[in-house]
Amino acid sequence: MGKSHQRGWVVLRGKKWYGYYRRTVLDPTKNQQKVDTVPVILGQKSELTKFQARERLEQEIAKHNGQNPGGRVMNDGAVTFGWFVRNRFLPLKEANWKPETGKVKKLLIQKDLIDSFDHIPLESFDRFTLQVHLNKLGKTRSKDRVLQIRAYVRDIFAEAVEQDFLAKDPARKVTVPSQLRDTDRTTHVNVGTATKCALAPDVAGSDSAGAGHDECPASQ
């Protein structure tokens, strides 16, 4: 998000005040900057005067500028989850994966994340959406698989923040569901040791870091 020196504008629509301001972002698919208009719901007309609504909009602009120190132009958070994973996340991870286990890891990410979120913009995600999805996986997937997917979710969005697609990480506080299953109720990818290694959490900070690595190669 580019640093904003304008105050934006306030509009009354029905019974609510809405604010709008502009931000400059970089579209990585075209390598070009563009200007977005950001809408903000400020509050009910019955609770805010127009002056108070304008003050609240200025606070919102200041908050976004505070998350973007130096006023640098951020990458466009409207790129989709699928695009980011395929073009910005996986290329970084693949260099550290053995070919066999890498195929399984990418298959799990595709089946448990991309198939559900492929066309959703990164900036549309919040903690609630991600937690509900992980809870749903916990009803049919094994404990090791859920732990791995939680690790990937956190790693993907941490990378989105690191690469300036997002100012705030929606996955940082996503937790592991309780009472997880020992085995999957879904069709299992039968590739022997490669599957076990792919399901062994490989992201630092995972709740079961190190589990399942005894029979895995030192470098995956």
C-alpha atoms as a PDB file:
ATOM      1  CA  MET A   1       0.000   0.000   0.000  1.00  0.00           C
ATOM      2  CA  GLY A   2       1.409   3.370  -0.934  1.00  0.00           C
ATOM      3  CA  LYS A   3       1.742   6.062   1.672  1.00  0.00           C
ATOM      4  CA  SER A   4      -1.357   8.247   1.618  1.00  0.00           C
ATOM      5  CA  HIS A   5      -1.383  11.976   2.274  1.00  0.00           C
ATOM      6  CA  GLN A   6      -5.024  12.479   1.301  1.00  0.00           C
ATOM      7  CA  ARG A   7      -7.905  12.301   3.735  1.00  0.00           C
ATOM      8  CA  GLY A   8     -10.187  10.181   1.590  1.00  0.00           C
ATOM      9  CA  TRP A   9     -13.903  10.868   1.401  1.00  0.00           C
ATOM     10  CA  VAL A  10     -17.035   9.931   3.326  1.00  0.00           C
ATOM     11  CA  VAL A  11     -20.428   8.938   1.891  1.00  0.00           C
ATOM     12  CA  LEU A  12     -23.757   8.194   3.601  1.00  0.00           C
ATOM     13  CA  ARG A  13     -25.432   5.118   2.122  1.00  0.00           C
ATOM     14  CA  GLY A  14     -28.710   4.147   3.744  1.00  0.00           C
ATOM     15  CA  LYS A  15     -28.124   4.161   7.494  1.00  0.00           C
ATOM     16  CA  LYS A  16     -24.333   3.732   7.407  1.00  0.00           C
ATOM     17  CA  TRP A  17     -21.318   5.934   6.807  1.00  0.00           C
ATOM     18  CA  TYR A  18     -18.815   4.586   4.294  1.00  0.00           C
ATOM     19  CA  GLY A  19     -15.305   5.902   3.766  1.00  0.00           C
ATOM     20  CA  TYR A  20     -13.042   5.560   0.739  1.00  0.00           C
ATOM     21  CA  TYR A  21      -9.363   6.197   0.147  1.00  0.00           C
ATOM     22  CA  ARG A  22      -6.842   5.379  -2.539  1.00  0.00           C
ATOM     23  CA  ARG A  23      -3.736   3.209  -2.307  1.00  0.00           C
ATOM     24  CA  THR A  24      -1.034   2.358  -4.807  1.00  0.00           C
ATOM     25  CA  VAL A  25      -0.123  -1.307  -5.247  1.00  0.00           C
ATOM     26  CA  LEU A  26       2.074  -3.336  -7.583  1.00  0.00           C
ATOM     27  CA  ASP A  27       0.338  -5.909  -9.763  1.00  0.00           C
ATOM     28  CA  PRO A  28       2.963  -8.702  -9.882  1.00  0.00           C
ATOM     29  CA  THR A  29       1.231 -10.480 -12.768  1.00  0.00           C
ATOM     30  CA  LYS A  30       1.916  -7.442 -15.021  1.00  0.00           C
ATOM     31  CA  ASN A  31       4.753  -5.820 -13.041  1.00  0.00           C
ATOM     32  CA  GLN A  32       2.849  -2.545 -13.100  1.00  0.00           C
ATOM     33  CA  GLN A  33       1.620  -0.177 -10.401  1.00  0.00           C
ATOM     34  CA  LYS A  34      -2.079   0.567 -10.123  1.00  0.00           C
ATOM     35  CA  VAL A  35      -4.319   2.624  -7.864  1.00  0.00           C
ATOM     36  CA  ASP A  36      -7.041   0.875  -5.854  1.00  0.00           C
ATOM     37  CA  THR A  37      -9.962   2.488  -4.058  1.00  0.00           C
ATOM     38  CA  VAL A  38     -10.404   0.976  -0.603  1.00  0.00           C
ATOM     39  CA  PRO A  39     -13.909   0.983   0.977  1.00  0.00           C
ATOM     40  CA  VAL A  40     -14.319   1.112   4.757  1.00  0.00           C
ATOM     41  CA  ILE A  41     -17.551   0.727   6.762  1.00  0.00           C
ATOM     42  CA  LEU A  42     -17.291   3.477   9.380  1.00  0.00           C
ATOM     43  CA  GLY A  43     -20.470   3.029  11.423  1.00  0.00           C
ATOM     44  CA  GLN A  44     -24.152   3.764  11.784  1.00  0.00           C
ATOM     45  CA  LYS A  45     -25.519   7.230  10.979  1.00  0.00           C
ATOM     46  CA  SER A  46     -27.299   7.204  14.324  1.00  0.00           C
ATOM     47  CA  GLU A  47     -23.976   6.773  16.140  1.00  0.00           C
ATOM     48  CA  LEU A  48     -21.670   9.078  14.141  1.00  0.00           C
ATOM     49  CA  THR A  49     -21.845  12.595  12.769  1.00  0.00           C
ATOM     50  CA  LYS A  50     -20.210  13.209   9.395  1.00  0.00           C
ATOM     51  CA  PHE A  51     -17.274  14.853  11.179  1.00  0.00           C
ATOM     52  CA  GLN A  52     -16.840  11.796  13.432  1.00  0.00           C
ATOM     53  CA  ALA A  53     -17.078   9.478  10.421  1.00  0.00           C
ATOM     54  CA  ARG A  54     -14.330  11.486   8.700  1.00  0.00           C
ATOM     55  CA  GLU A  55     -12.159  11.221  11.816  1.00  0.00           C
ATOM     56  CA  ARG A  56     -12.655   7.463  11.889  1.00  0.00           C
ATOM     57  CA  LEU A  57     -11.643   7.226   8.218  1.00  0.00           C
ATOM     58  CA  GLU A  58      -8.473   9.204   8.941  1.00  0.00           C
ATOM     59  CA  GLN A  59      -7.690   6.766  11.772  1.00  0.00           C
ATOM     60  CA  GLU A  60      -8.155   3.855   9.350  1.00  0.00           C
ATOM     61  CA  ILE A  61      -5.793   5.452   6.815  1.00  0.00           C
ATOM     62  CA  ALA A  62      -3.233   6.113   9.567  1.00  0.00           C
ATOM     63  CA  LYS A  63      -3.498   2.500  10.733  1.00  0.00           C
ATOM     64  CA  HIS A  64      -2.746   1.168   7.250  1.00  0.00           C
ATOM     65  CA  ASN A  65       0.129   3.597   6.828  1.00  0.00           C
ATOM     66  CA  GLY A  66       1.487   2.452  10.186  1.00  0.00           C
ATOM     67  CA  GLN A  67       1.486  -1.147   8.969  1.00  0.00           C
ATOM     68  CA  ASN A  68       3.459   0.038   5.952  1.00  0.00           C
ATOM     69  CA  PRO A  69       6.435   2.021   7.363  1.00  0.00           C
ATOM     70  CA  GLY A  70       8.296   4.141   4.860  1.00  0.00           C
ATOM     71  CA  GLY A  71       5.321   4.342   2.495  1.00  0.00           C
ATOM     72  CA  ARG A  72       6.668   1.612   0.188  1.00  0.00           C
ATOM     73  CA  VAL A  73       4.434   0.348  -2.597  1.00  0.00           C
ATOM     74  CA  MET A  74       3.157  -3.093  -1.672  1.00  0.00           C
ATOM     75  CA  ASN A  75       2.328  -5.960  -3.989  1.00  0.00           C
ATOM     76  CA  ASP A  76      -1.334  -6.302  -4.872  1.00  0.00           C
ATOM     77  CA  GLY A  77      -3.140  -8.348  -2.224  1.00  0.00           C
ATOM     78  CA  ALA A  78      -5.911  -8.986  -4.770  1.00  0.00           C
ATOM     79  CA  VAL A  79      -3.848 -11.733  -6.414  1.00  0.00           C
ATOM     80  CA  THR A  80      -5.455 -15.099  -5.763  1.00  0.00           C
ATOM     81  CA  PHE A  81      -4.342 -17.682  -3.243  1.00  0.00           C
ATOM     82  CA  GLY A  82      -3.704 -20.204  -6.013  1.00  0.00           C
ATOM     83  CA  TRP A  83      -1.555 -17.770  -8.004  1.00  0.00           C
ATOM     84  CA  PHE A  84       0.536 -16.888  -4.954  1.00  0.00           C
ATOM     85  CA  VAL A  85       1.112 -20.504  -3.928  1.00  0.00           C
ATOM     86  CA  ARG A  86       2.067 -21.621  -7.441  1.00  0.00           C
ATOM     87  CA  ASN A  87       4.185 -18.594  -8.367  1.00  0.00           C
ATOM     88  CA  ARG A  88       5.634 -17.277  -5.106  1.00  0.00           C
ATOM     89  CA  PHE A  89       5.474 -19.992  -2.420  1.00  0.00           C
ATOM     90  CA  LEU A  90       6.196 -23.337  -4.071  1.00  0.00           C
ATOM     91  CA  PRO A  91       9.226 -22.128  -6.069  1.00  0.00           C
ATOM     92  CA  LEU A  92      10.899 -21.215  -2.763  1.00  0.00           C
ATOM     93  CA  LYS A  93      10.060 -24.517  -1.065  1.00  0.00           C
ATOM     94  CA  GLU A  94      10.799 -26.916  -3.922  1.00  0.00           C
ATOM     95  CA  ALA A  95      14.531 -26.292  -3.711  1.00  0.00           C
ATOM     96  CA  ASN A  96      14.556 -27.936  -0.266  1.00  0.00           C
ATOM     97  CA  TRP A  97      12.411 -30.950  -1.149  1.00  0.00           C
ATOM     98  CA  LYS A  98      13.470 -34.325  -2.543  1.00  0.00           C
ATOM     99  CA  PRO A  99      11.625 -34.950  -5.850  1.00  0.00           C
ATOM    100  CA  GLU A 100       9.547 -37.856  -4.497  1.00  0.00           C
ATOM    101  CA  THR A 101       8.374 -36.195  -1.291  1.00  0.00           C
ATOM    102  CA  GLY A 102       7.989 -32.870  -3.115  1.00  0.00           C
ATOM    103  CA  LYS A 103       5.365 -34.406  -5.406  1.00  0.00           C
ATOM    104  CA  VAL A 104       3.353 -35.598  -2.413  1.00  0.00           C
ATOM    105  CA  LYS A 105       3.646 -32.285  -0.558  1.00  0.00           C
ATOM    106  CA  LYS A 106       2.396 -30.388  -3.609  1.00  0.00           C
ATOM    107  CA  LEU A 107      -0.455 -32.884  -3.993  1.00  0.00           C
ATOM    108  CA  LEU A 108      -1.523 -32.346  -0.373  1.00  0.00           C
ATOM    109  CA  ILE A 109      -1.361 -28.548  -0.736  1.00  0.00           C
ATOM    110  CA  GLN A 110      -3.420 -28.806  -3.918  1.00  0.00           C
ATOM    111  CA  LYS A 111      -6.057 -31.109  -2.420  1.00  0.00           C
ATOM    112  CA  ASP A 112      -6.401 -29.546   1.035  1.00  0.00           C
ATOM    113  CA  LEU A 113      -5.804 -25.846   0.251  1.00  0.00           C
ATOM    114  CA  ILE A 114      -5.739 -24.800  -3.409  1.00  0.00           C
ATOM    115  CA  ASP A 115      -8.839 -26.789  -4.368  1.00  0.00           C
ATOM    116  CA  SER A 116     -10.799 -24.827  -1.743  1.00  0.00           C
ATOM    117  CA  PHE A 117      -9.164 -21.392  -2.040  1.00  0.00           C
ATOM    118  CA  ASP A 118      -7.736 -21.214  -5.573  1.00  0.00           C
ATOM    119  CA  HIS A 119      -9.544 -18.085  -6.786  1.00  0.00           C
ATOM    120  CA  ILE A 120      -9.896 -16.219  -3.471  1.00  0.00           C
ATOM    121  CA  PRO A 121      -7.810 -13.006  -3.199  1.00  0.00           C
ATOM    122  CA  LEU A 122      -5.123 -13.075  -0.505  1.00  0.00           C
ATOM    123  CA  GLU A 123      -6.480  -9.897   1.045  1.00  0.00           C
ATOM    124  CA  SER A 124      -9.899 -11.556   1.578  1.00  0.00           C
ATOM    125  CA  PHE A 125      -8.621 -14.097   4.107  1.00  0.00           C
ATOM    126  CA  ASP A 126      -9.065 -13.755   7.843  1.00  0.00           C
ATOM    127  CA  ARG A 127      -8.330 -15.948  10.832  1.00  0.00           C
ATOM    128  CA  PHE A 128     -11.933 -17.168  11.053  1.00  0.00           C
ATOM    129  CA  THR A 129     -11.996 -18.469   7.454  1.00  0.00           C
ATOM    130  CA  LEU A 130      -8.715 -20.353   7.884  1.00  0.00           C
ATOM    131  CA  GLN A 131      -9.662 -21.796  11.278  1.00  0.00           C
ATOM    132  CA  VAL A 132     -13.022 -23.079  10.005  1.00  0.00           C
ATOM    133  CA  HIS A 133     -11.273 -24.736   7.067  1.00  0.00           C
ATOM    134  CA  LEU A 134      -8.729 -26.426   9.326  1.00  0.00           C
ATOM    135  CA  ASN A 135     -11.496 -27.584  11.674  1.00  0.00           C
ATOM    136  CA  LYS A 136     -13.307 -29.118   8.693  1.00  0.00           C
ATOM    137  CA  LEU A 137     -10.148 -30.964   7.613  1.00  0.00           C
ATOM    138  CA  GLY A 138      -9.787 -32.269  11.165  1.00  0.00           C
ATOM    139  CA  LYS A 139     -13.009 -34.245  10.788  1.00  0.00           C
ATOM    140  CA  THR A 140     -11.678 -36.447   7.968  1.00  0.00           C
ATOM    141  CA  ARG A 141      -7.890 -36.057   7.811  1.00  0.00           C
ATOM    142  CA  SER A 142      -5.318 -37.696  10.060  1.00  0.00           C
ATOM    143  CA  LYS A 143      -3.572 -35.803  12.852  1.00  0.00           C
ATOM    144  CA  ASP A 144      -0.253 -35.711  10.971  1.00  0.00           C
ATOM    145  CA  ARG A 145      -1.950 -34.400   7.844  1.00  0.00           C
ATOM    146  CA  VAL A 146      -3.821 -31.650   9.698  1.00  0.00           C
ATOM    147  CA  LEU A 147      -0.630 -30.598  11.471  1.00  0.00           C
ATOM    148  CA  GLN A 148       1.156 -30.410   8.133  1.00  0.00           C
ATOM    149  CA  ILE A 149      -1.598 -28.376   6.471  1.00  0.00           C
ATOM    150  CA  ARG A 150      -1.717 -25.989   9.445  1.00  0.00           C
ATOM    151  CA  ALA A 151       2.040 -25.567   9.063  1.00  0.00           C
ATOM    152  CA  TYR A 152       1.658 -24.839   5.347  1.00  0.00           C
ATOM    153  CA  VAL A 153      -1.154 -22.334   5.962  1.00  0.00           C
ATOM    154  CA  ARG A 154       0.988 -20.426   8.437  1.00  0.00           C
ATOM    155  CA  ASP A 155       4.033 -20.607   6.183  1.00  0.00           C
ATOM    156  CA  ILE A 156       2.128 -19.444   3.085  1.00  0.00           C
ATOM    157  CA  PHE A 157       0.666 -16.366   4.747  1.00  0.00           C
ATOM    158  CA  ALA A 158       3.892 -15.523   6.573  1.00  0.00           C
ATOM    159  CA  GLU A 159       5.545 -15.538   3.146  1.00  0.00           C
ATOM    160  CA  ALA A 160       2.761 -13.307   1.773  1.00  0.00           C
ATOM    161  CA  VAL A 161       3.543 -10.763   4.494  1.00  0.00           C
ATOM    162  CA  GLU A 162       7.290 -11.112   3.925  1.00  0.00           C
ATOM    163  CA  GLN A 163       6.831 -10.468   0.192  1.00  0.00           C
ATOM    164  CA  ASP A 164       4.629  -7.393   0.852  1.00  0.00           C
ATOM    165  CA  PHE A 165       1.370  -8.834  -0.461  1.00  0.00           C
ATOM    166  CA  LEU A 166      -0.269  -8.458   2.963  1.00  0.00           C
ATOM    167  CA  ALA A 167       0.300  -6.061   5.853  1.00  0.00           C
ATOM    168  CA  LYS A 168      -1.113  -8.449   8.465  1.00  0.00           C
ATOM    169  CA  ASP A 169      -0.837 -12.241   8.783  1.00  0.00           C
ATOM    170  CA  PRO A 170      -4.330 -13.823   9.084  1.00  0.00           C
ATOM    171  CA  ALA A 171      -2.884 -17.284   9.862  1.00  0.00           C
ATOM    172  CA  ARG A 172      -0.626 -16.346  12.768  1.00  0.00           C
ATOM    173  CA  LYS A 173      -3.078 -17.441  15.470  1.00  0.00           C
ATOM    174  CA  VAL A 174      -4.742 -20.357  13.679  1.00  0.00           C
ATOM    175  CA  THR A 175      -4.715 -23.324  16.064  1.00  0.00           C
ATOM    176  CA  VAL A 176      -4.788 -27.102  15.699  1.00  0.00           C
ATOM    177  CA  PRO A 177      -8.260 -28.634  16.217  1.00  0.00           C
ATOM    178  CA  SER A 178      -8.676 -30.952  19.182  1.00  0.00           C
ATOM    179  CA  GLN A 179      -9.496 -34.684  19.034  1.00  0.00           C
ATOM    180  CA  LEU A 180      -7.824 -35.348  15.713  1.00  0.00           C
ATOM    181  CA  ARG A 181      -8.003 -38.739  13.998  1.00  0.00           C
ATOM    182  CA  ASP A 182      -5.113 -41.204  13.797  1.00  0.00           C
ATOM    183  CA  THR A 183      -5.951 -42.115  10.183  1.00  0.00           C
ATOM    184  CA  ASP A 184      -7.510 -40.437   7.157  1.00  0.00           C
ATOM    185  CA  ARG A 185     -11.100 -41.105   6.092  1.00  0.00           C
ATOM    186  CA  THR A 186     -10.224 -39.796   2.622  1.00  0.00           C
ATOM    187  CA  THR A 187      -8.480 -41.562  -0.252  1.00  0.00           C
ATOM    188  CA  HIS A 188      -4.843 -41.861   0.773  1.00  0.00           C
ATOM    189  CA  VAL A 189      -1.887 -41.145  -1.492  1.00  0.00           C
ATOM    190  CA  ASN A 190      -0.109 -44.473  -1.439  1.00  0.00           C
ATOM    191  CA  VAL A 191       3.549 -43.713  -2.028  1.00  0.00           C
ATOM    192  CA  GLY A 192       5.000 -45.368   1.065  1.00  0.00           C
ATOM    193  CA  THR A 193       7.749 -43.543   2.912  1.00  0.00           C
ATOM    194  CA  ALA A 194       7.378 -40.487   0.719  1.00  0.00           C
ATOM    195  CA  THR A 195       3.868 -39.932   2.087  1.00  0.00           C
ATOM    196  CA  LYS A 196       5.024 -40.240   5.695  1.00  0.00           C
ATOM    197  CA  CYS A 197       7.824 -37.761   5.051  1.00  0.00           C
ATOM    198  CA  ALA A 198       5.461 -35.376   3.299  1.00  0.00           C
ATOM    199  CA  LEU A 199       3.078 -35.484   6.254  1.00  0.00           C
ATOM    200  CA  ALA A 200       5.852 -34.905   8.790  1.00  0.00           C
ATOM    201  CA  PRO A 201       5.659 -31.175   9.669  1.00  0.00           C
ATOM    202  CA  ASP A 202       8.645 -29.349   8.210  1.00  0.00           C
ATOM    203  CA  VAL A 203       7.870 -25.821   9.305  1.00  0.00           C
ATOM    204  CA  ALA A 204       9.528 -24.439  12.425  1.00  0.00           C
ATOM    205  CA  GLY A 205       7.191 -24.110  15.376  1.00  0.00           C
ATOM    206  CA  SER A 206       4.842 -26.938  14.418  1.00  0.00           C
ATOM    207  CA  ASP A 207       3.211 -28.659  17.382  1.00  0.00           C
ATOM    208  CA  SER A 208       4.654 -32.004  16.354  1.00  0.00           C
ATOM    209  CA  ALA A 209       7.945 -30.927  14.817  1.00  0.00           C
ATOM    210  CA  GLY A 210      10.159 -33.919  14.230  1.00  0.00           C
ATOM    211  CA  ALA A 211       7.356 -36.479  14.219  1.00  0.00           C
ATOM    212  CA  GLY A 212       7.741 -39.096  11.533  1.00  0.00           C
ATOM    213  CA  HIS A 213      11.241 -38.033  10.450  1.00  0.00           C
ATOM    214  CA  ASP A 214      13.112 -41.131  11.658  1.00  0.00           C
ATOM    215  CA  GLU A 215      12.757 -42.890   8.312  1.00  0.00           C
ATOM    216  CA  CYS A 216      12.878 -39.775   6.153  1.00  0.00           C
ATOM    217  CA  PRO A 217      15.963 -38.520   4.299  1.00  0.00           C
ATOM    218  CA  ALA A 218      17.975 -35.835   6.082  1.00  0.00           C
ATOM    219  CA  SER A 219      17.059 -33.340   3.371  1.00  0.00           C
ATOM    220  CA  GLN A 220      13.569 -33.417   1.870  1.00  0.00           C
END
